[in-house]
Amino acid sequence: MERSVYTRRSIDGWLAKLDEPVRSCLIPFRVKMEEDGLRPGTVREWLSKARLFLAYLVEVRRQKPESAQPSDITAFIRARLRLCRKKCGRAPVYFVGWRCGYTVAIYRLLREIQGQWPPTTAWSLRLEGYRAHLVGRGLDKIYVRELCSHARRFLQYIDKRGFAIEDSQQSQVTRYFSFAARRKGCSWMEVHQRSVQDILRYVQGEWPPGSTPSPLLFQFKAYLQEQRFSSGRVTKHVSVIRQFLDYLRKQNIVPEKTQLQDLYGFVELKQRQYRQRNGGPPKNTSELSCSPKFGRRIKV
């Protein structure tokens, strides 16, 4: 007789000994896994992990599986971690892999019981809207996934602290960046800050507050498109000019009265910032070459 047959029989006997409501949750869970073609060994392992969670949920949390929340899973993992430390005298060597051994079964179980997992939240709906917005912009799917990954961290952070992204203030976002910087490196933080600012602009219309782009920026973009610049070059040049206009505003310089020395001052500032971040000068400054073209355009 094949080994898988013995495994199925042992699962039958094991399930028969369980109490309600754990057994009534695990029987359809087992049927669904077998229908999906999972190996008997995997079915047995996931049933075991799911039973531990259900027992904890019913006996300790006094919660029904139909109303389980992510906080219940977090509490269960903490309880199992305490038990592991008590038995072994230490935490698991590979904590993420150890945790996934439980959550992969629990997530699938709750999807079968509740219809979806994780449950829909305000921030998850906002994230899906942002994802659709990025796809609509024609961005590469890998870049979309990266932006959404960064946005998810920020949305979860503000959700735990009880404030909505629509009402986010600059001081709150600054505190978040300080919090995130303690856990990640500089290069990651640069990408993360740009991603968070992008979703804030998507939700609030502008970020930081009061930074609505100058009409000159749209005029310059239209000019580049008329000259048949590629979309990549248009995006790159407009990004540079946005920074240039911000520099002029801080210097109290009207764009129509821009002088050549103002452009040199901007270039020197960007080079200084680059050296501070990277420890050396940039290889080239070709991305700034559109600034004189912009200066000629706004003076026409």
C-alpha atoms as a PDB file:
ATOM      1  CA  MET A   1       0.000   0.000   0.000  1.00  0.00           C
ATOM      2  CA  GLU A   2       1.313   3.449  -0.895  1.00  0.00           C
ATOM      3  CA  ARG A   3       2.601   5.710   1.822  1.00  0.00           C
ATOM      4  CA  SER A   4       0.074   8.431   0.876  1.00  0.00           C
ATOM      5  CA  VAL A   5      -2.791   6.040   1.680  1.00  0.00           C
ATOM      6  CA  TYR A   6      -1.422   5.480   5.207  1.00  0.00           C
ATOM      7  CA  THR A   7      -1.079   9.264   5.585  1.00  0.00           C
ATOM      8  CA  ARG A   8      -4.707   9.840   4.614  1.00  0.00           C
ATOM      9  CA  ARG A   9      -5.882   7.147   7.029  1.00  0.00           C
ATOM     10  CA  SER A  10      -3.870   8.653   9.868  1.00  0.00           C
ATOM     11  CA  ILE A  11      -5.415  12.060   9.093  1.00  0.00           C
ATOM     12  CA  ASP A  12      -8.898  10.489   9.202  1.00  0.00           C
ATOM     13  CA  GLY A  13      -8.241   9.022  12.641  1.00  0.00           C
ATOM     14  CA  TRP A  14      -6.655  12.251  13.895  1.00  0.00           C
ATOM     15  CA  LEU A  15      -9.590  14.397  12.757  1.00  0.00           C
ATOM     16  CA  ALA A  16     -12.120  12.041  14.355  1.00  0.00           C
ATOM     17  CA  LYS A  17     -10.573  12.666  17.793  1.00  0.00           C
ATOM     18  CA  LEU A  18     -10.844  16.475  17.604  1.00  0.00           C
ATOM     19  CA  ASP A  19     -13.531  18.467  19.369  1.00  0.00           C
ATOM     20  CA  GLU A  20     -15.941  20.955  17.866  1.00  0.00           C
ATOM     21  CA  PRO A  21     -15.769  23.593  16.455  1.00  0.00           C
ATOM     22  CA  VAL A  22     -12.168  22.802  15.462  1.00  0.00           C
ATOM     23  CA  ARG A  23     -13.076  19.592  13.609  1.00  0.00           C
ATOM     24  CA  SER A  24     -15.886  21.213  11.579  1.00  0.00           C
ATOM     25  CA  CYS A  25     -13.422  23.879  10.402  1.00  0.00           C
ATOM     26  CA  LEU A  26     -10.638  21.466   9.502  1.00  0.00           C
ATOM     27  CA  ILE A  27     -12.659  18.891   7.529  1.00  0.00           C
ATOM     28  CA  PRO A  28     -13.616  21.253   4.631  1.00  0.00           C
ATOM     29  CA  PHE A  29     -10.126  22.770   4.857  1.00  0.00           C
ATOM     30  CA  ARG A  30      -8.641  19.321   4.267  1.00  0.00           C
ATOM     31  CA  VAL A  31     -11.040  18.590   1.379  1.00  0.00           C
ATOM     32  CA  LYS A  32     -10.096  21.860  -0.348  1.00  0.00           C
ATOM     33  CA  MET A  33      -6.359  21.203  -0.017  1.00  0.00           C
ATOM     34  CA  GLU A  34      -6.727  17.718  -1.464  1.00  0.00           C
ATOM     35  CA  GLU A  35      -8.827  19.086  -4.346  1.00  0.00           C
ATOM     36  CA  ASP A  36      -6.013  21.551  -5.086  1.00  0.00           C
ATOM     37  CA  GLY A  37      -3.559  18.668  -5.374  1.00  0.00           C
ATOM     38  CA  LEU A  38      -1.450  19.250  -2.256  1.00  0.00           C
ATOM     39  CA  ARG A  39       0.643  16.281  -1.120  1.00  0.00           C
ATOM     40  CA  PRO A  40      -0.711  14.262   1.827  1.00  0.00           C
ATOM     41  CA  GLY A  41       2.323  15.232   3.905  1.00  0.00           C
ATOM     42  CA  THR A  42       1.680  18.927   3.295  1.00  0.00           C
ATOM     43  CA  VAL A  43      -2.019  18.458   4.082  1.00  0.00           C
ATOM     44  CA  ARG A  44      -1.168  16.786   7.379  1.00  0.00           C
ATOM     45  CA  GLU A  45       1.353  19.491   8.331  1.00  0.00           C
ATOM     46  CA  TRP A  46      -0.983  22.394   7.520  1.00  0.00           C
ATOM     47  CA  LEU A  47      -3.882  20.737   9.350  1.00  0.00           C
ATOM     48  CA  SER A  48      -1.686  20.434  12.432  1.00  0.00           C
ATOM     49  CA  LYS A  49      -0.683  24.119  12.326  1.00  0.00           C
ATOM     50  CA  ALA A  50      -4.277  25.182  11.644  1.00  0.00           C
ATOM     51  CA  ARG A  51      -5.524  23.112  14.612  1.00  0.00           C
ATOM     52  CA  LEU A  52      -3.109  24.871  16.967  1.00  0.00           C
ATOM     53  CA  PHE A  53      -4.345  28.249  15.778  1.00  0.00           C
ATOM     54  CA  LEU A  54      -8.023  27.317  16.022  1.00  0.00           C
ATOM     55  CA  ALA A  55      -7.570  25.927  19.522  1.00  0.00           C
ATOM     56  CA  TYR A  56      -5.819  29.130  20.598  1.00  0.00           C
ATOM     57  CA  LEU A  57      -8.482  31.260  18.934  1.00  0.00           C
ATOM     58  CA  VAL A  58     -11.398  29.453  20.609  1.00  0.00           C
ATOM     59  CA  GLU A  59      -9.923  28.680  24.036  1.00  0.00           C
ATOM     60  CA  VAL A  60      -7.687  31.691  24.689  1.00  0.00           C
ATOM     61  CA  ARG A  61      -9.034  34.540  22.565  1.00  0.00           C
ATOM     62  CA  ARG A  62     -12.691  33.433  22.886  1.00  0.00           C
ATOM     63  CA  GLN A  63     -13.080  34.287  19.215  1.00  0.00           C
ATOM     64  CA  LYS A  64     -14.922  32.598  16.376  1.00  0.00           C
ATOM     65  CA  PRO A  65     -12.882  31.769  13.232  1.00  0.00           C
ATOM     66  CA  GLU A  66     -15.398  33.719  11.130  1.00  0.00           C
ATOM     67  CA  SER A  67     -14.455  36.943  12.942  1.00  0.00           C
ATOM     68  CA  ALA A  68     -10.692  36.403  13.328  1.00  0.00           C
ATOM     69  CA  GLN A  69      -8.491  39.473  12.805  1.00  0.00           C
ATOM     70  CA  PRO A  70      -4.766  39.944  12.008  1.00  0.00           C
ATOM     71  CA  SER A  71      -4.223  40.809  15.689  1.00  0.00           C
ATOM     72  CA  ASP A  72      -5.323  37.269  16.601  1.00  0.00           C
ATOM     73  CA  ILE A  73      -2.602  35.797  14.382  1.00  0.00           C
ATOM     74  CA  THR A  74      -0.022  38.156  15.892  1.00  0.00           C
ATOM     75  CA  ALA A  75      -1.027  37.104  19.417  1.00  0.00           C
ATOM     76  CA  PHE A  76      -0.871  33.412  18.427  1.00  0.00           C
ATOM     77  CA  ILE A  77       2.628  33.757  16.955  1.00  0.00           C
ATOM     78  CA  ARG A  78       3.797  35.503  20.133  1.00  0.00           C
ATOM     79  CA  ALA A  79       2.360  32.683  22.243  1.00  0.00           C
ATOM     80  CA  ARG A  80       4.098  30.033  20.117  1.00  0.00           C
ATOM     81  CA  LEU A  81       7.337  32.018  20.297  1.00  0.00           C
ATOM     82  CA  ARG A  82       7.190  32.099  24.099  1.00  0.00           C
ATOM     83  CA  LEU A  83       6.604  28.340  24.134  1.00  0.00           C
ATOM     84  CA  CYS A  84       9.532  27.783  21.748  1.00  0.00           C
ATOM     85  CA  ARG A  85      11.842  29.836  23.974  1.00  0.00           C
ATOM     86  CA  LYS A  86      10.690  27.925  27.031  1.00  0.00           C
ATOM     87  CA  LYS A  87      11.343  24.531  25.384  1.00  0.00           C
ATOM     88  CA  CYS A  88      14.572  25.325  23.525  1.00  0.00           C
ATOM     89  CA  GLY A  89      15.994  28.131  25.645  1.00  0.00           C
ATOM     90  CA  ARG A  90      16.194  30.451  22.637  1.00  0.00           C
ATOM     91  CA  ALA A  91      14.200  31.908  19.761  1.00  0.00           C
ATOM     92  CA  PRO A  92      14.153  30.120  16.368  1.00  0.00           C
ATOM     93  CA  VAL A  93      17.350  30.644  14.379  1.00  0.00           C
ATOM     94  CA  TYR A  94      15.425  31.617  11.237  1.00  0.00           C
ATOM     95  CA  PHE A  95      12.449  33.442  12.720  1.00  0.00           C
ATOM     96  CA  VAL A  96      10.821  34.433   9.408  1.00  0.00           C
ATOM     97  CA  GLY A  97      10.883  30.861   8.098  1.00  0.00           C
ATOM     98  CA  TRP A  98       9.598  29.548  11.437  1.00  0.00           C
ATOM     99  CA  ARG A  99       6.728  32.061  11.445  1.00  0.00           C
ATOM    100  CA  CYS A 100       5.835  31.304   7.808  1.00  0.00           C
ATOM    101  CA  GLY A 101       5.482  27.641   8.768  1.00  0.00           C
ATOM    102  CA  TYR A 102       2.417  28.718  10.755  1.00  0.00           C
ATOM    103  CA  THR A 103       1.053  31.652   8.761  1.00  0.00           C
ATOM    104  CA  VAL A 104       0.983  29.872   5.374  1.00  0.00           C
ATOM    105  CA  ALA A 105      -1.511  27.374   6.807  1.00  0.00           C
ATOM    106  CA  ILE A 106      -3.446  29.935   8.874  1.00  0.00           C
ATOM    107  CA  TYR A 107      -3.884  32.353   5.960  1.00  0.00           C
ATOM    108  CA  ARG A 108      -5.214  29.602   3.716  1.00  0.00           C
ATOM    109  CA  LEU A 109      -7.561  28.376   6.439  1.00  0.00           C
ATOM    110  CA  LEU A 110      -9.002  31.862   7.021  1.00  0.00           C
ATOM    111  CA  ARG A 111      -9.426  32.410   3.282  1.00  0.00           C
ATOM    112  CA  GLU A 112     -11.558  29.265   3.199  1.00  0.00           C
ATOM    113  CA  ILE A 113     -13.607  30.309   6.233  1.00  0.00           C
ATOM    114  CA  GLN A 114     -13.998  34.062   5.604  1.00  0.00           C
ATOM    115  CA  GLY A 115     -13.836  34.106   1.809  1.00  0.00           C
ATOM    116  CA  GLN A 116     -10.750  36.341   1.716  1.00  0.00           C
ATOM    117  CA  TRP A 117      -7.660  37.089   3.764  1.00  0.00           C
ATOM    118  CA  PRO A 118      -6.488  39.498   4.974  1.00  0.00           C
ATOM    119  CA  PRO A 119      -9.830  41.222   5.624  1.00  0.00           C
ATOM    120  CA  THR A 120     -10.568  44.404   3.705  1.00  0.00           C
ATOM    121  CA  THR A 121      -9.434  47.572   5.481  1.00  0.00           C
ATOM    122  CA  ALA A 122      -9.528  51.244   4.592  1.00  0.00           C
ATOM    123  CA  TRP A 123      -5.790  51.294   3.952  1.00  0.00           C
ATOM    124  CA  SER A 124      -5.880  48.144   1.774  1.00  0.00           C
ATOM    125  CA  LEU A 125      -8.608  49.695  -0.379  1.00  0.00           C
ATOM    126  CA  ARG A 126      -6.514  52.842  -0.661  1.00  0.00           C
ATOM    127  CA  LEU A 127      -3.510  50.747  -1.695  1.00  0.00           C
ATOM    128  CA  GLU A 128      -5.508  48.994  -4.411  1.00  0.00           C
ATOM    129  CA  GLY A 129      -6.664  52.358  -5.749  1.00  0.00           C
ATOM    130  CA  TYR A 130      -3.065  53.548  -5.804  1.00  0.00           C
ATOM    131  CA  ARG A 131      -1.979  50.371  -7.600  1.00  0.00           C
ATOM    132  CA  ALA A 132      -4.632  50.921 -10.273  1.00  0.00           C
ATOM    133  CA  HIS A 133      -3.467  54.538 -10.607  1.00  0.00           C
ATOM    134  CA  LEU A 134       0.134  53.415 -11.204  1.00  0.00           C
ATOM    135  CA  VAL A 135      -0.936  50.818 -13.765  1.00  0.00           C
ATOM    136  CA  GLY A 136      -3.000  53.502 -15.508  1.00  0.00           C
ATOM    137  CA  ARG A 137       0.136  55.626 -15.772  1.00  0.00           C
ATOM    138  CA  GLY A 138       1.730  52.823 -17.797  1.00  0.00           C
ATOM    139  CA  LEU A 139       4.481  52.049 -15.288  1.00  0.00           C
ATOM    140  CA  ASP A 140       6.396  48.792 -15.413  1.00  0.00           C
ATOM    141  CA  LYS A 141       4.815  46.083 -13.256  1.00  0.00           C
ATOM    142  CA  ILE A 142       8.036  45.580 -11.270  1.00  0.00           C
ATOM    143  CA  TYR A 143       8.185  49.300 -10.490  1.00  0.00           C
ATOM    144  CA  VAL A 144       4.486  49.260  -9.531  1.00  0.00           C
ATOM    145  CA  ARG A 145       5.137  46.382  -7.124  1.00  0.00           C
ATOM    146  CA  GLU A 146       8.065  48.251  -5.561  1.00  0.00           C
ATOM    147  CA  LEU A 147       6.082  51.483  -5.096  1.00  0.00           C
ATOM    148  CA  CYS A 148       3.159  49.590  -3.566  1.00  0.00           C
ATOM    149  CA  SER A 149       5.496  47.741  -1.206  1.00  0.00           C
ATOM    150  CA  HIS A 150       6.843  51.041   0.128  1.00  0.00           C
ATOM    151  CA  ALA A 151       3.353  52.573   0.289  1.00  0.00           C
ATOM    152  CA  ARG A 152       2.053  49.558   2.237  1.00  0.00           C
ATOM    153  CA  ARG A 153       4.597  50.150   5.017  1.00  0.00           C
ATOM    154  CA  PHE A 154       3.507  53.757   5.388  1.00  0.00           C
ATOM    155  CA  LEU A 155      -0.220  52.968   5.259  1.00  0.00           C
ATOM    156  CA  GLN A 156       0.116  50.264   7.910  1.00  0.00           C
ATOM    157  CA  TYR A 157       2.122  52.624  10.118  1.00  0.00           C
ATOM    158  CA  ILE A 158      -0.470  55.413  10.041  1.00  0.00           C
ATOM    159  CA  ASP A 159      -3.349  52.934  10.403  1.00  0.00           C
ATOM    160  CA  LYS A 160      -1.873  51.596  13.661  1.00  0.00           C
ATOM    161  CA  ARG A 161      -1.585  55.169  14.952  1.00  0.00           C
ATOM    162  CA  GLY A 162      -5.143  56.050  14.053  1.00  0.00           C
ATOM    163  CA  PHE A 163      -4.790  58.786  11.452  1.00  0.00           C
ATOM    164  CA  ALA A 164      -5.828  58.717   7.812  1.00  0.00           C
ATOM    165  CA  ILE A 165      -3.587  59.486   4.871  1.00  0.00           C
ATOM    166  CA  GLU A 166      -6.070  62.144   3.703  1.00  0.00           C
ATOM    167  CA  ASP A 167      -5.352  64.125   6.894  1.00  0.00           C
ATOM    168  CA  SER A 168      -1.614  63.441   7.119  1.00  0.00           C
ATOM    169  CA  GLN A 169       0.455  66.459   8.107  1.00  0.00           C
ATOM    170  CA  GLN A 170       4.071  67.148   7.220  1.00  0.00           C
ATOM    171  CA  SER A 171       5.138  66.778  10.869  1.00  0.00           C
ATOM    172  CA  GLN A 172       3.572  63.302  11.051  1.00  0.00           C
ATOM    173  CA  VAL A 173       5.282  62.179   7.860  1.00  0.00           C
ATOM    174  CA  THR A 174       8.604  63.539   9.128  1.00  0.00           C
ATOM    175  CA  ARG A 175       8.228  61.510  12.337  1.00  0.00           C
ATOM    176  CA  TYR A 176       7.478  58.432  10.270  1.00  0.00           C
ATOM    177  CA  PHE A 177      10.623  58.898   8.175  1.00  0.00           C
ATOM    178  CA  SER A 178      12.672  59.226  11.379  1.00  0.00           C
ATOM    179  CA  PHE A 179      11.094  55.995  12.636  1.00  0.00           C
ATOM    180  CA  ALA A 180      11.776  54.140   9.358  1.00  0.00           C
ATOM    181  CA  ALA A 181      15.375  55.429   9.097  1.00  0.00           C
ATOM    182  CA  ARG A 182      16.324  53.620  12.314  1.00  0.00           C
ATOM    183  CA  ARG A 183      15.620  50.285  10.623  1.00  0.00           C
ATOM    184  CA  LYS A 184      16.871  50.770   7.071  1.00  0.00           C
ATOM    185  CA  GLY A 185      19.889  52.089   5.153  1.00  0.00           C
ATOM    186  CA  CYS A 186      20.244  55.422   3.382  1.00  0.00           C
ATOM    187  CA  SER A 187      19.760  54.153  -0.177  1.00  0.00           C
ATOM    188  CA  TRP A 188      16.559  52.318   0.805  1.00  0.00           C
ATOM    189  CA  MET A 189      15.271  55.404   2.608  1.00  0.00           C
ATOM    190  CA  GLU A 190      15.724  57.614  -0.474  1.00  0.00           C
ATOM    191  CA  VAL A 191      13.511  55.300  -2.536  1.00  0.00           C
ATOM    192  CA  HIS A 192      11.082  54.922   0.344  1.00  0.00           C
ATOM    193  CA  GLN A 193      10.670  58.675   0.812  1.00  0.00           C
ATOM    194  CA  ARG A 194       9.978  59.205  -2.884  1.00  0.00           C
ATOM    195  CA  SER A 195       7.407  56.391  -2.847  1.00  0.00           C
ATOM    196  CA  VAL A 196       5.604  57.731   0.233  1.00  0.00           C
ATOM    197  CA  GLN A 197       5.553  61.238  -1.231  1.00  0.00           C
ATOM    198  CA  ASP A 198       4.105  59.835  -4.452  1.00  0.00           C
ATOM    199  CA  ILE A 199       1.129  58.186  -2.737  1.00  0.00           C
ATOM    200  CA  LEU A 200       0.594  61.345  -0.673  1.00  0.00           C
ATOM    201  CA  ARG A 201       0.428  63.363  -3.902  1.00  0.00           C
ATOM    202  CA  TYR A 202      -2.009  60.789  -5.305  1.00  0.00           C
ATOM    203  CA  VAL A 203      -4.330  61.076  -2.289  1.00  0.00           C
ATOM    204  CA  GLN A 204      -4.018  64.752  -1.379  1.00  0.00           C
ATOM    205  CA  GLY A 205      -3.374  66.165  -4.837  1.00  0.00           C
ATOM    206  CA  GLU A 206      -0.061  67.725  -3.818  1.00  0.00           C
ATOM    207  CA  TRP A 207       2.811  67.030  -1.448  1.00  0.00           C
ATOM    208  CA  PRO A 208       4.189  68.711   0.524  1.00  0.00           C
ATOM    209  CA  PRO A 209       1.159  70.912   1.234  1.00  0.00           C
ATOM    210  CA  GLY A 210       1.235  74.096  -0.811  1.00  0.00           C
ATOM    211  CA  SER A 211       3.504  72.618  -3.489  1.00  0.00           C
ATOM    212  CA  THR A 212       1.086  72.732  -6.422  1.00  0.00           C
ATOM    213  CA  PRO A 213       3.243  72.799  -9.580  1.00  0.00           C
ATOM    214  CA  SER A 214       3.662  76.124 -11.326  1.00  0.00           C
ATOM    215  CA  PRO A 215       1.708  76.563 -14.607  1.00  0.00           C
ATOM    216  CA  LEU A 216       5.135  77.096 -16.183  1.00  0.00           C
ATOM    217  CA  LEU A 217       5.895  73.449 -15.555  1.00  0.00           C
ATOM    218  CA  PHE A 218       2.915  72.332 -17.607  1.00  0.00           C
ATOM    219  CA  GLN A 219       3.809  74.821 -20.341  1.00  0.00           C
ATOM    220  CA  PHE A 220       7.350  73.444 -20.508  1.00  0.00           C
ATOM    221  CA  LYS A 221       6.064  69.859 -20.623  1.00  0.00           C
ATOM    222  CA  ALA A 222       3.745  70.755 -23.510  1.00  0.00           C
ATOM    223  CA  TYR A 223       6.669  72.440 -25.289  1.00  0.00           C
ATOM    224  CA  LEU A 224       8.819  69.305 -24.990  1.00  0.00           C
ATOM    225  CA  GLN A 225       5.992  67.155 -26.302  1.00  0.00           C
ATOM    226  CA  GLU A 226       5.527  69.528 -29.256  1.00  0.00           C
ATOM    227  CA  GLN A 227       9.233  69.083 -30.003  1.00  0.00           C
ATOM    228  CA  ARG A 228       8.629  65.306 -30.025  1.00  0.00           C
ATOM    229  CA  PHE A 229      10.839  64.460 -27.071  1.00  0.00           C
ATOM    230  CA  SER A 230      10.446  60.857 -25.913  1.00  0.00           C
ATOM    231  CA  SER A 231       8.218  60.277 -22.884  1.00  0.00           C
ATOM    232  CA  GLY A 232      11.230  59.222 -20.812  1.00  0.00           C
ATOM    233  CA  ARG A 233      13.117  62.430 -21.580  1.00  0.00           C
ATOM    234  CA  VAL A 234      10.016  64.548 -20.944  1.00  0.00           C
ATOM    235  CA  THR A 235       9.578  62.982 -17.505  1.00  0.00           C
ATOM    236  CA  LYS A 236      13.263  63.434 -16.690  1.00  0.00           C
ATOM    237  CA  HIS A 237      13.417  67.066 -17.832  1.00  0.00           C
ATOM    238  CA  VAL A 238      10.178  68.015 -16.074  1.00  0.00           C
ATOM    239  CA  SER A 239      11.510  66.488 -12.841  1.00  0.00           C
ATOM    240  CA  VAL A 240      14.652  68.638 -13.077  1.00  0.00           C
ATOM    241  CA  ILE A 241      12.663  71.775 -13.830  1.00  0.00           C
ATOM    242  CA  ARG A 242      10.347  71.126 -10.905  1.00  0.00           C
ATOM    243  CA  GLN A 243      13.390  71.180  -8.643  1.00  0.00           C
ATOM    244  CA  PHE A 244      14.729  74.277 -10.397  1.00  0.00           C
ATOM    245  CA  LEU A 245      11.455  76.169  -9.884  1.00  0.00           C
ATOM    246  CA  ASP A 246      11.451  75.166  -6.230  1.00  0.00           C
ATOM    247  CA  TYR A 247      14.994  76.509  -5.933  1.00  0.00           C
ATOM    248  CA  LEU A 248      13.944  79.818  -7.507  1.00  0.00           C
ATOM    249  CA  ARG A 249      10.971  80.110  -5.151  1.00  0.00           C
ATOM    250  CA  LYS A 250      13.188  79.639  -2.096  1.00  0.00           C
ATOM    251  CA  GLN A 251      15.568  82.295  -3.466  1.00  0.00           C
ATOM    252  CA  ASN A 252      12.622  84.675  -4.061  1.00  0.00           C
ATOM    253  CA  ILE A 253      13.452  84.829  -7.767  1.00  0.00           C
ATOM    254  CA  VAL A 254      10.691  85.271 -10.340  1.00  0.00           C
ATOM    255  CA  PRO A 255      11.178  82.709 -13.155  1.00  0.00           C
ATOM    256  CA  GLU A 256      10.734  85.396 -15.838  1.00  0.00           C
ATOM    257  CA  LYS A 257      13.729  87.279 -14.378  1.00  0.00           C
ATOM    258  CA  THR A 258      16.029  84.286 -14.077  1.00  0.00           C
ATOM    259  CA  GLN A 259      19.694  84.993 -14.819  1.00  0.00           C
ATOM    260  CA  LEU A 260      22.467  82.651 -15.867  1.00  0.00           C
ATOM    261  CA  GLN A 261      24.061  82.866 -12.425  1.00  0.00           C
ATOM    262  CA  ASP A 262      20.808  81.522 -10.929  1.00  0.00           C
ATOM    263  CA  LEU A 263      21.169  78.413 -13.063  1.00  0.00           C
ATOM    264  CA  TYR A 264      24.820  78.040 -11.997  1.00  0.00           C
ATOM    265  CA  GLY A 265      23.753  78.371  -8.345  1.00  0.00           C
ATOM    266  CA  PHE A 266      21.151  75.630  -8.789  1.00  0.00           C
ATOM    267  CA  VAL A 267      23.644  73.286 -10.461  1.00  0.00           C
ATOM    268  CA  GLU A 268      26.197  73.887  -7.699  1.00  0.00           C
ATOM    269  CA  LEU A 269      23.559  73.158  -5.053  1.00  0.00           C
ATOM    270  CA  LYS A 270      22.585  69.836  -6.686  1.00  0.00           C
ATOM    271  CA  GLN A 271      26.240  68.825  -7.075  1.00  0.00           C
ATOM    272  CA  ARG A 272      26.876  69.635  -3.404  1.00  0.00           C
ATOM    273  CA  GLN A 273      23.895  67.557  -2.345  1.00  0.00           C
ATOM    274  CA  TYR A 274      25.086  64.683  -4.549  1.00  0.00           C
ATOM    275  CA  ARG A 275      28.555  64.746  -2.976  1.00  0.00           C
ATOM    276  CA  GLN A 276      27.055  64.711   0.522  1.00  0.00           C
ATOM    277  CA  ARG A 277      24.953  61.644  -0.297  1.00  0.00           C
ATOM    278  CA  ASN A 278      27.478  59.680  -2.356  1.00  0.00           C
ATOM    279  CA  GLY A 279      30.870  60.910  -1.208  1.00  0.00           C
ATOM    280  CA  GLY A 280      31.954  62.168  -4.643  1.00  0.00           C
ATOM    281  CA  PRO A 281      30.872  64.280  -7.623  1.00  0.00           C
ATOM    282  CA  PRO A 282      28.363  62.965 -10.207  1.00  0.00           C
ATOM    283  CA  LYS A 283      29.775  61.405 -13.358  1.00  0.00           C
ATOM    284  CA  ASN A 284      27.948  63.948 -15.514  1.00  0.00           C
ATOM    285  CA  THR A 285      25.337  66.685 -15.270  1.00  0.00           C
ATOM    286  CA  SER A 286      23.633  66.115 -18.601  1.00  0.00           C
ATOM    287  CA  GLU A 287      20.220  65.894 -16.932  1.00  0.00           C
ATOM    288  CA  LEU A 288      20.528  69.604 -16.097  1.00  0.00           C
ATOM    289  CA  SER A 289      21.136  70.644 -19.688  1.00  0.00           C
ATOM    290  CA  CYS A 290      17.435  71.330 -20.270  1.00  0.00           C
ATOM    291  CA  SER A 291      17.441  74.219 -17.782  1.00  0.00           C
ATOM    292  CA  PRO A 292      18.809  76.820 -20.272  1.00  0.00           C
ATOM    293  CA  LYS A 293      16.207  75.561 -22.754  1.00  0.00           C
ATOM    294  CA  PHE A 294      13.556  76.184 -20.100  1.00  0.00           C
ATOM    295  CA  GLY A 295      14.957  79.654 -19.424  1.00  0.00           C
ATOM    296  CA  ARG A 296      14.712  80.567 -23.126  1.00  0.00           C
ATOM    297  CA  ARG A 297      11.177  79.190 -23.260  1.00  0.00           C
ATOM    298  CA  ILE A 298       9.739  81.221 -20.357  1.00  0.00           C
ATOM    299  CA  LYS A 299      11.279  84.443 -21.676  1.00  0.00           C
ATOM    300  CA  VAL A 300       9.752  84.123 -25.129  1.00  0.00           C
END
